[in-house]
């Protein structure tokens, strides 16, 4: 008698689809992280007030 009769192994097509979706998700996450970092660098270079705010926020996290 089977204990797990309702469970099936995922097909090869399902595994490939999951791999593709996972890779796309990883690439989009990395691209978003890079864009955010670039925006922060531009903000720091462009305005001295933003630099002071970011520095004070980083100092509070260290406490």
Protein backbone atom coordinates (compact mmCIF):
# COMPACT_ATOMS: atom_id res chain seq x y z
CA UNK A 1 0.00 0.00 0.00
CA UNK A 2 1.32 3.47 -0.94
CA UNK A 3 1.69 6.04 1.81
CA UNK A 4 1.99 9.08 -0.46
CA UNK A 5 -0.30 8.18 -3.32
CA UNK A 6 -1.40 11.78 -3.99
CA UNK A 7 2.13 13.18 -4.38
CA UNK A 8 3.86 13.07 -7.75
CA UNK A 9 7.37 13.98 -8.74
CA UNK A 10 7.49 17.28 -10.64
CA UNK A 11 8.08 16.83 -14.34
CA UNK A 12 11.24 18.02 -16.07
CA UNK A 13 9.32 20.87 -17.71
CA UNK A 14 8.12 22.12 -14.35
CA UNK A 15 11.67 22.04 -12.97
CA UNK A 16 13.00 23.99 -15.96
CA UNK A 17 10.22 26.56 -15.65
CA UNK A 18 10.95 27.00 -11.94
CA UNK A 19 14.67 27.41 -12.69
CA UNK A 20 13.97 30.09 -15.32
CA UNK A 21 11.61 32.01 -13.04
CA UNK A 22 14.15 31.82 -10.20
CA UNK A 23 16.94 33.14 -12.44
CA UNK A 24 14.77 36.01 -13.67
CA UNK A 25 13.86 36.88 -10.10
CA UNK A 26 17.54 36.90 -9.11
CA UNK A 27 18.52 39.11 -12.05
CA UNK A 28 15.72 41.60 -11.36
CA UNK A 29 16.62 41.72 -7.66
CA UNK A 30 20.28 42.41 -8.45
CA UNK A 31 19.36 45.09 -11.00
CA UNK A 32 17.08 46.81 -8.49
CA UNK A 33 19.78 46.74 -5.80
CA UNK A 34 22.30 48.28 -8.21
CA UNK A 35 19.86 51.02 -9.27
CA UNK A 36 19.11 51.90 -5.64
CA UNK A 37 22.82 52.09 -4.83
CA UNK A 38 23.44 54.37 -7.81
CA UNK A 39 20.58 56.65 -6.71
CA UNK A 40 22.02 56.91 -3.20
CA UNK A 41 25.48 57.71 -4.57
CA UNK A 42 24.03 60.45 -6.78
CA UNK A 43 22.10 61.88 -3.83
CA UNK A 44 25.25 61.97 -1.70
CA UNK A 45 27.28 63.63 -4.43
CA UNK A 46 24.56 66.11 -5.32
CA UNK A 47 23.40 67.54 -2.00
CA UNK A 48 25.33 68.08 1.22
CA UNK A 49 22.16 67.95 3.38
CA UNK A 50 21.37 64.42 2.18
CA UNK A 51 24.91 63.37 3.06
CA UNK A 52 24.51 64.62 6.61
CA UNK A 53 21.17 62.81 7.00
CA UNK A 54 22.59 59.53 5.72
CA UNK A 55 25.65 59.85 7.96
CA UNK A 56 23.56 60.49 11.07
CA UNK A 57 21.23 57.58 10.26
CA UNK A 58 24.23 55.26 9.86
CA UNK A 59 25.66 56.49 13.19
CA UNK A 60 22.39 55.70 15.01
CA UNK A 61 22.40 52.14 13.65
CA UNK A 62 25.89 51.62 15.07
CA UNK A 63 24.83 52.53 18.62
